[in-house]
Amino acid sequence: MDSVAIIGLGYVGLPLACLCARKGLTTFGFDVNKKTVEKINAGISHIADAELERQVRKLKGKISATTDEKVISKASVIVVCVPTPVDEKHHPDLYALKSACSSIARNLKKGQLIIVESTIFPGTTEEVVLPILQESGLKPEKDFFLVHCPERIDPGSRKWGIENIPRVLGGMSKEGTKKAKNFYGNVLKAEVFEMNSVKEAEAVKLTENSFRDVNIAFVNE
């Protein structure tokens, strides 16, 4: 696993791309925003964060950003970091996630590991992501591996960066889970915990977010 393609170069994907590039991985970045891609290739961060700006500048030329989805086929690991906001009715908007999965399906190669970091509700990986990937004609957990590892990041924090925040992950199979743990183990300093299933990993992020929301509401009272 010496190459990675990050799909979505926002506040989650860009720091991960920088981390992977620093660790010596051949790093590709795919984003639909042409201006974002142009800035990153020029060594300029489109996100206002002093440390991230420094890293992007220092790593100029080591992150190959593009709007061409074909770059996905060049990586051994694909990490999906697209936003999953809620709509005006407070329902999850999975448009970007579905679009990213369609791009992967059109360029999927045997042996690739796909990791979804986007925040999703339990069941999304199996009921939304997997069916789209299967449109490639490849068989899950035989031709490719699918894992969910919810993003955990504290933007702007000097103490807790992407490299030292503990993570959890759960795959569709034990083999996929092991592959993902090995990938993160090579780039993170923090501990990575294996869940027994994809749904467990999905539930962890929602539980954490709910806990944080309740605490914020309590403090505001």
C-alpha atoms as a PDB file:
ATOM      1  CA  MET A   1       0.000   0.000   0.000  1.00  0.00           C
ATOM      2  CA  ASP A   2       2.375   2.638  -1.256  1.00  0.00           C
ATOM      3  CA  SER A   3      -0.139   4.896  -2.995  1.00  0.00           C
ATOM      4  CA  VAL A   4      -3.360   6.592  -1.948  1.00  0.00           C
ATOM      5  CA  ALA A   5      -6.105   8.587  -3.650  1.00  0.00           C
ATOM      6  CA  ILE A   6      -8.019  11.020  -1.455  1.00  0.00           C
ATOM      7  CA  ILE A   7     -11.476  11.871  -2.796  1.00  0.00           C
ATOM      8  CA  GLY A   8     -12.576  15.257  -1.492  1.00  0.00           C
ATOM      9  CA  LEU A   9      -9.873  17.772  -0.557  1.00  0.00           C
ATOM     10  CA  GLY A  10     -11.726  19.702   2.124  1.00  0.00           C
ATOM     11  CA  TYR A  11     -10.983  20.156   5.832  1.00  0.00           C
ATOM     12  CA  VAL A  12     -10.748  16.350   6.246  1.00  0.00           C
ATOM     13  CA  GLY A  13      -9.250  15.215   2.955  1.00  0.00           C
ATOM     14  CA  LEU A  14      -6.525  17.838   2.601  1.00  0.00           C
ATOM     15  CA  PRO A  15      -4.913  17.211   6.024  1.00  0.00           C
ATOM     16  CA  LEU A  16      -4.999  13.466   5.284  1.00  0.00           C
ATOM     17  CA  ALA A  17      -3.384  14.040   1.893  1.00  0.00           C
ATOM     18  CA  CYS A  18      -0.643  16.089   3.557  1.00  0.00           C
ATOM     19  CA  LEU A  19      -0.077  13.389   6.171  1.00  0.00           C
ATOM     20  CA  CYS A  20       0.175  10.626   3.572  1.00  0.00           C
ATOM     21  CA  ALA A  21       2.575  12.688   1.463  1.00  0.00           C
ATOM     22  CA  ARG A  22       4.749  13.378   4.523  1.00  0.00           C
ATOM     23  CA  LYS A  23       4.878   9.652   5.237  1.00  0.00           C
ATOM     24  CA  GLY A  24       6.243   8.980   1.763  1.00  0.00           C
ATOM     25  CA  LEU A  25       3.145   7.606   0.053  1.00  0.00           C
ATOM     26  CA  THR A  26       2.469   8.495  -3.559  1.00  0.00           C
ATOM     27  CA  THR A  27      -0.491  10.783  -2.935  1.00  0.00           C
ATOM     28  CA  PHE A  28      -3.247  11.695  -5.368  1.00  0.00           C
ATOM     29  CA  GLY A  29      -6.101  14.055  -4.622  1.00  0.00           C
ATOM     30  CA  PHE A  30      -9.388  14.131  -6.522  1.00  0.00           C
ATOM     31  CA  ASP A  31     -11.811  17.033  -6.191  1.00  0.00           C
ATOM     32  CA  VAL A  32     -14.556  18.408  -8.428  1.00  0.00           C
ATOM     33  CA  ASN A  33     -13.566  22.002  -7.628  1.00  0.00           C
ATOM     34  CA  LYS A  34     -11.060  23.146 -10.247  1.00  0.00           C
ATOM     35  CA  LYS A  35      -9.902  26.164  -8.214  1.00  0.00           C
ATOM     36  CA  THR A  36      -9.205  23.970  -5.193  1.00  0.00           C
ATOM     37  CA  VAL A  37      -7.100  21.632  -7.325  1.00  0.00           C
ATOM     38  CA  GLU A  38      -5.164  24.489  -8.926  1.00  0.00           C
ATOM     39  CA  LYS A  39      -4.351  26.034  -5.550  1.00  0.00           C
ATOM     40  CA  ILE A  40      -3.115  22.780  -4.021  1.00  0.00           C
ATOM     41  CA  ASN A  41      -0.892  22.055  -7.016  1.00  0.00           C
ATOM     42  CA  ALA A  42       0.514  25.570  -6.636  1.00  0.00           C
ATOM     43  CA  GLY A  43       1.312  24.900  -2.980  1.00  0.00           C
ATOM     44  CA  ILE A  44      -1.535  27.047  -1.674  1.00  0.00           C
ATOM     45  CA  SER A  45      -4.124  25.869   0.850  1.00  0.00           C
ATOM     46  CA  HIS A  46      -7.713  26.910   0.181  1.00  0.00           C
ATOM     47  CA  ILE A  47      -8.452  26.353   3.871  1.00  0.00           C
ATOM     48  CA  ALA A  48      -7.582  29.127   6.328  1.00  0.00           C
ATOM     49  CA  ASP A  49      -5.375  27.257   8.794  1.00  0.00           C
ATOM     50  CA  ALA A  50      -1.798  28.350   9.487  1.00  0.00           C
ATOM     51  CA  GLU A  51      -0.366  24.854   9.976  1.00  0.00           C
ATOM     52  CA  LEU A  52      -2.194  23.428   6.981  1.00  0.00           C
ATOM     53  CA  GLU A  53      -1.055  26.360   4.835  1.00  0.00           C
ATOM     54  CA  ARG A  54       2.543  25.656   5.862  1.00  0.00           C
ATOM     55  CA  GLN A  55       2.251  21.963   5.056  1.00  0.00           C
ATOM     56  CA  VAL A  56       0.637  22.462   1.651  1.00  0.00           C
ATOM     57  CA  ARG A  57       3.333  24.966   0.760  1.00  0.00           C
ATOM     58  CA  LYS A  58       6.106  22.612   1.907  1.00  0.00           C
ATOM     59  CA  LEU A  59       4.562  19.609   0.121  1.00  0.00           C
ATOM     60  CA  LYS A  60       4.117  21.353  -3.210  1.00  0.00           C
ATOM     61  CA  GLY A  61       4.602  18.764  -5.948  1.00  0.00           C
ATOM     62  CA  LYS A  62       4.126  15.813  -3.588  1.00  0.00           C
ATOM     63  CA  ILE A  63       0.328  15.884  -3.715  1.00  0.00           C
ATOM     64  CA  SER A  64      -0.976  15.389  -7.239  1.00  0.00           C
ATOM     65  CA  ALA A  65      -4.406  17.031  -7.212  1.00  0.00           C
ATOM     66  CA  THR A  66      -6.752  16.666 -10.164  1.00  0.00           C
ATOM     67  CA  THR A  67     -10.369  16.861 -11.331  1.00  0.00           C
ATOM     68  CA  ASP A  68      -9.842  13.727 -13.439  1.00  0.00           C
ATOM     69  CA  GLU A  69     -11.444  10.717 -11.749  1.00  0.00           C
ATOM     70  CA  LYS A  70      -9.214   8.331 -13.693  1.00  0.00           C
ATOM     71  CA  VAL A  71      -6.500   8.988 -11.111  1.00  0.00           C
ATOM     72  CA  ILE A  72      -8.471   6.695  -8.783  1.00  0.00           C
ATOM     73  CA  SER A  73      -7.247   3.651 -10.698  1.00  0.00           C
ATOM     74  CA  LYS A  74      -3.620   4.507  -9.896  1.00  0.00           C
ATOM     75  CA  ALA A  75      -3.873   4.071  -6.120  1.00  0.00           C
ATOM     76  CA  SER A  76      -3.828   0.973  -3.956  1.00  0.00           C
ATOM     77  CA  VAL A  77      -5.905   2.737  -1.280  1.00  0.00           C
ATOM     78  CA  ILE A  78      -8.877   5.030  -1.930  1.00  0.00           C
ATOM     79  CA  VAL A  79     -10.154   7.240   0.903  1.00  0.00           C
ATOM     80  CA  VAL A  80     -13.497   9.019   0.575  1.00  0.00           C
ATOM     81  CA  CYS A  81     -13.623  12.316   2.477  1.00  0.00           C
ATOM     82  CA  VAL A  82     -16.568  14.103   0.892  1.00  0.00           C
ATOM     83  CA  PRO A  83     -19.099  16.120   2.940  1.00  0.00           C
ATOM     84  CA  THR A  84     -22.399  14.593   4.074  1.00  0.00           C
ATOM     85  CA  PRO A  85     -24.459  17.568   5.293  1.00  0.00           C
ATOM     86  CA  VAL A  86     -28.167  17.627   6.112  1.00  0.00           C
ATOM     87  CA  ASP A  87     -30.754  19.200   3.840  1.00  0.00           C
ATOM     88  CA  GLU A  88     -33.433  21.765   4.715  1.00  0.00           C
ATOM     89  CA  LYS A  89     -35.550  18.962   6.200  1.00  0.00           C
ATOM     90  CA  HIS A  90     -32.602  17.778   8.322  1.00  0.00           C
ATOM     91  CA  HIS A  91     -32.221  14.604   6.268  1.00  0.00           C
ATOM     92  CA  PRO A  92     -28.706  13.355   5.367  1.00  0.00           C
ATOM     93  CA  ASP A  93     -27.623  14.597   1.947  1.00  0.00           C
ATOM     94  CA  LEU A  94     -25.633  11.754   0.396  1.00  0.00           C
ATOM     95  CA  TYR A  95     -25.305  13.257  -3.085  1.00  0.00           C
ATOM     96  CA  ALA A  96     -21.545  13.869  -2.834  1.00  0.00           C
ATOM     97  CA  LEU A  97     -20.968  10.407  -1.351  1.00  0.00           C
ATOM     98  CA  LYS A  98     -22.958   8.690  -4.098  1.00  0.00           C
ATOM     99  CA  SER A  99     -21.150  10.715  -6.749  1.00  0.00           C
ATOM    100  CA  ALA A 100     -17.764   9.774  -5.276  1.00  0.00           C
ATOM    101  CA  CYS A 101     -18.732   6.095  -5.209  1.00  0.00           C
ATOM    102  CA  SER A 102     -19.830   6.257  -8.847  1.00  0.00           C
ATOM    103  CA  SER A 103     -16.438   7.716  -9.762  1.00  0.00           C
ATOM    104  CA  ILE A 104     -14.743   4.886  -7.897  1.00  0.00           C
ATOM    105  CA  ALA A 105     -16.915   2.237  -9.562  1.00  0.00           C
ATOM    106  CA  ARG A 106     -15.963   3.522 -13.016  1.00  0.00           C
ATOM    107  CA  ASN A 107     -12.264   3.262 -12.191  1.00  0.00           C
ATOM    108  CA  LEU A 108     -12.080   0.415  -9.691  1.00  0.00           C
ATOM    109  CA  LYS A 109      -9.288  -2.136 -10.055  1.00  0.00           C
ATOM    110  CA  LYS A 110      -8.791  -5.516  -8.442  1.00  0.00           C
ATOM    111  CA  GLY A 111      -7.053  -5.462  -5.081  1.00  0.00           C
ATOM    112  CA  GLN A 112      -7.942  -1.902  -4.127  1.00  0.00           C
ATOM    113  CA  LEU A 113      -8.914  -0.944  -0.577  1.00  0.00           C
ATOM    114  CA  ILE A 114     -11.736   1.588  -0.267  1.00  0.00           C
ATOM    115  CA  ILE A 115     -12.134   3.497   2.989  1.00  0.00           C
ATOM    116  CA  VAL A 116     -15.071   5.798   3.666  1.00  0.00           C
ATOM    117  CA  GLU A 117     -14.219   8.501   6.217  1.00  0.00           C
ATOM    118  CA  SER A 118     -17.291  10.653   5.583  1.00  0.00           C
ATOM    119  CA  THR A 119     -19.750  10.816   8.485  1.00  0.00           C
ATOM    120  CA  ILE A 120     -22.629   8.443   7.723  1.00  0.00           C
ATOM    121  CA  PHE A 121     -25.481   6.762   9.575  1.00  0.00           C
ATOM    122  CA  PRO A 122     -25.462   3.006  10.360  1.00  0.00           C
ATOM    123  CA  GLY A 123     -26.257   0.956   7.279  1.00  0.00           C
ATOM    124  CA  THR A 124     -24.987   3.476   4.720  1.00  0.00           C
ATOM    125  CA  THR A 125     -21.854   1.527   3.787  1.00  0.00           C
ATOM    126  CA  GLU A 126     -23.752  -1.683   3.087  1.00  0.00           C
ATOM    127  CA  GLU A 127     -26.966  -0.207   1.678  1.00  0.00           C
ATOM    128  CA  VAL A 128     -25.717   2.824  -0.277  1.00  0.00           C
ATOM    129  CA  VAL A 129     -21.971   2.617  -0.903  1.00  0.00           C
ATOM    130  CA  LEU A 130     -21.608  -1.103  -1.645  1.00  0.00           C
ATOM    131  CA  PRO A 131     -24.350  -1.377  -4.320  1.00  0.00           C
ATOM    132  CA  ILE A 132     -22.792   1.488  -6.276  1.00  0.00           C
ATOM    133  CA  LEU A 133     -19.317  -0.058  -6.098  1.00  0.00           C
ATOM    134  CA  GLN A 134     -20.720  -3.383  -7.298  1.00  0.00           C
ATOM    135  CA  GLU A 135     -21.723  -1.668 -10.535  1.00  0.00           C
ATOM    136  CA  SER A 136     -18.045  -2.074 -11.428  1.00  0.00           C
ATOM    137  CA  GLY A 137     -18.667  -5.785 -11.870  1.00  0.00           C
ATOM    138  CA  LEU A 138     -16.060  -6.623  -9.232  1.00  0.00           C
ATOM    139  CA  LYS A 139     -16.860  -8.732  -6.188  1.00  0.00           C
ATOM    140  CA  PRO A 140     -16.604  -7.194  -2.704  1.00  0.00           C
ATOM    141  CA  GLU A 141     -14.091  -8.692  -0.284  1.00  0.00           C
ATOM    142  CA  LYS A 142     -12.609 -10.711  -3.129  1.00  0.00           C
ATOM    143  CA  ASP A 143     -11.726  -8.207  -5.838  1.00  0.00           C
ATOM    144  CA  PHE A 144     -11.846  -5.114  -3.601  1.00  0.00           C
ATOM    145  CA  PHE A 145     -12.203  -4.345   0.106  1.00  0.00           C
ATOM    146  CA  LEU A 146     -14.571  -1.874   1.765  1.00  0.00           C
ATOM    147  CA  VAL A 147     -14.059  -0.301   5.193  1.00  0.00           C
ATOM    148  CA  HIS A 148     -15.528   2.575   7.197  1.00  0.00           C
ATOM    149  CA  CYS A 149     -13.205   4.658   9.364  1.00  0.00           C
ATOM    150  CA  PRO A 150     -15.071   7.779  10.531  1.00  0.00           C
ATOM    151  CA  GLU A 151     -13.033  10.959  10.327  1.00  0.00           C
ATOM    152  CA  ARG A 152     -11.977  12.519  13.620  1.00  0.00           C
ATOM    153  CA  ILE A 153     -10.371  15.900  13.331  1.00  0.00           C
ATOM    154  CA  ASP A 154     -10.173  19.071  15.425  1.00  0.00           C
ATOM    155  CA  PRO A 155      -9.464  21.870  12.913  1.00  0.00           C
ATOM    156  CA  GLY A 156      -6.989  24.439  14.187  1.00  0.00           C
ATOM    157  CA  SER A 157      -6.000  22.467  17.297  1.00  0.00           C
ATOM    158  CA  ARG A 158      -2.277  22.321  18.036  1.00  0.00           C
ATOM    159  CA  LYS A 159      -2.670  19.503  20.554  1.00  0.00           C
ATOM    160  CA  TRP A 160      -4.974  17.185  18.621  1.00  0.00           C
ATOM    161  CA  GLY A 161      -4.044  16.800  14.980  1.00  0.00           C
ATOM    162  CA  ILE A 162      -5.025  14.198  12.423  1.00  0.00           C
ATOM    163  CA  GLU A 163      -1.937  12.162  13.297  1.00  0.00           C
ATOM    164  CA  ASN A 164      -2.530  11.666  17.031  1.00  0.00           C
ATOM    165  CA  ILE A 165      -6.312  11.318  17.409  1.00  0.00           C
ATOM    166  CA  PRO A 166      -7.360   7.675  18.087  1.00  0.00           C
ATOM    167  CA  ARG A 167      -9.498   6.089  15.372  1.00  0.00           C
ATOM    168  CA  VAL A 168     -11.961   3.226  14.987  1.00  0.00           C
ATOM    169  CA  LEU A 169     -12.677   1.235  11.854  1.00  0.00           C
ATOM    170  CA  GLY A 170     -14.813  -1.634  10.704  1.00  0.00           C
ATOM    171  CA  GLY A 171     -14.776  -3.525   7.424  1.00  0.00           C
ATOM    172  CA  MET A 172     -17.021  -5.803   5.411  1.00  0.00           C
ATOM    173  CA  SER A 173     -14.543  -8.587   6.152  1.00  0.00           C
ATOM    174  CA  LYS A 174     -11.726  -9.343   8.565  1.00  0.00           C
ATOM    175  CA  GLU A 175      -9.204  -9.144   5.736  1.00  0.00           C
ATOM    176  CA  GLY A 176     -10.387  -5.683   4.724  1.00  0.00           C
ATOM    177  CA  THR A 177     -10.329  -4.507   8.332  1.00  0.00           C
ATOM    178  CA  LYS A 178      -6.741  -5.728   8.746  1.00  0.00           C
ATOM    179  CA  LYS A 179      -5.666  -4.010   5.534  1.00  0.00           C
ATOM    180  CA  ALA A 180      -7.193  -0.721   6.677  1.00  0.00           C
ATOM    181  CA  LYS A 181      -5.608  -0.978  10.113  1.00  0.00           C
ATOM    182  CA  ASN A 182      -2.257  -1.594   8.464  1.00  0.00           C
ATOM    183  CA  PHE A 183      -2.729   1.492   6.272  1.00  0.00           C
ATOM    184  CA  TYR A 184      -3.570   3.773   9.184  1.00  0.00           C
ATOM    185  CA  GLY A 185      -0.900   2.172  11.330  1.00  0.00           C
ATOM    186  CA  ASN A 186       1.694   3.332   8.817  1.00  0.00           C
ATOM    187  CA  VAL A 187       0.570   6.974   8.829  1.00  0.00           C
ATOM    188  CA  LEU A 188      -0.866   7.600  12.306  1.00  0.00           C
ATOM    189  CA  LYS A 189       0.819   7.776  15.691  1.00  0.00           C
ATOM    190  CA  ALA A 190      -2.485   7.184  17.491  1.00  0.00           C
ATOM    191  CA  GLU A 191      -4.060   3.836  18.299  1.00  0.00           C
ATOM    192  CA  VAL A 192      -6.516   2.336  15.810  1.00  0.00           C
ATOM    193  CA  PHE A 193      -9.339   0.198  17.201  1.00  0.00           C
ATOM    194  CA  GLU A 194     -10.986  -2.568  15.171  1.00  0.00           C
ATOM    195  CA  MET A 195     -14.769  -2.859  15.381  1.00  0.00           C
ATOM    196  CA  ASN A 196     -16.617  -6.120  14.735  1.00  0.00           C
ATOM    197  CA  SER A 197     -18.609  -4.694  11.846  1.00  0.00           C
ATOM    198  CA  VAL A 198     -19.073  -1.718   9.548  1.00  0.00           C
ATOM    199  CA  LYS A 199     -22.246  -0.688  11.379  1.00  0.00           C
ATOM    200  CA  GLU A 200     -20.391  -0.531  14.691  1.00  0.00           C
ATOM    201  CA  ALA A 201     -17.873   1.878  13.198  1.00  0.00           C
ATOM    202  CA  GLU A 202     -20.682   3.972  11.713  1.00  0.00           C
ATOM    203  CA  ALA A 203     -22.472   4.093  15.074  1.00  0.00           C
ATOM    204  CA  VAL A 204     -19.357   5.230  16.941  1.00  0.00           C
ATOM    205  CA  LYS A 205     -19.201   8.559  15.099  1.00  0.00           C
ATOM    206  CA  LEU A 206     -22.901   9.296  15.573  1.00  0.00           C
ATOM    207  CA  THR A 207     -22.646   8.442  19.268  1.00  0.00           C
ATOM    208  CA  GLU A 208     -19.650  10.745  19.664  1.00  0.00           C
ATOM    209  CA  ASN A 209     -21.390  13.578  17.820  1.00  0.00           C
ATOM    210  CA  SER A 210     -24.559  13.106  19.880  1.00  0.00           C
ATOM    211  CA  PHE A 211     -22.557  13.174  23.111  1.00  0.00           C
ATOM    212  CA  ARG A 212     -20.837  16.391  22.021  1.00  0.00           C
ATOM    213  CA  ASP A 213     -24.135  17.986  20.993  1.00  0.00           C
ATOM    214  CA  VAL A 214     -25.769  17.189  24.338  1.00  0.00           C
ATOM    215  CA  ASN A 215     -22.788  18.605  26.230  1.00  0.00           C
ATOM    216  CA  ILE A 216     -22.827  21.815  24.199  1.00  0.00           C
ATOM    217  CA  ALA A 217     -26.562  22.176  24.830  1.00  0.00           C
ATOM    218  CA  PHE A 218     -26.012  21.576  28.553  1.00  0.00           C
ATOM    219  CA  VAL A 219     -23.275  24.225  28.746  1.00  0.00           C
ATOM    220  CA  ASN A 220     -25.430  26.704  26.836  1.00  0.00           C
ATOM    221  CA  GLU A 221     -28.176  26.254  29.421  1.00  0.00           C
END
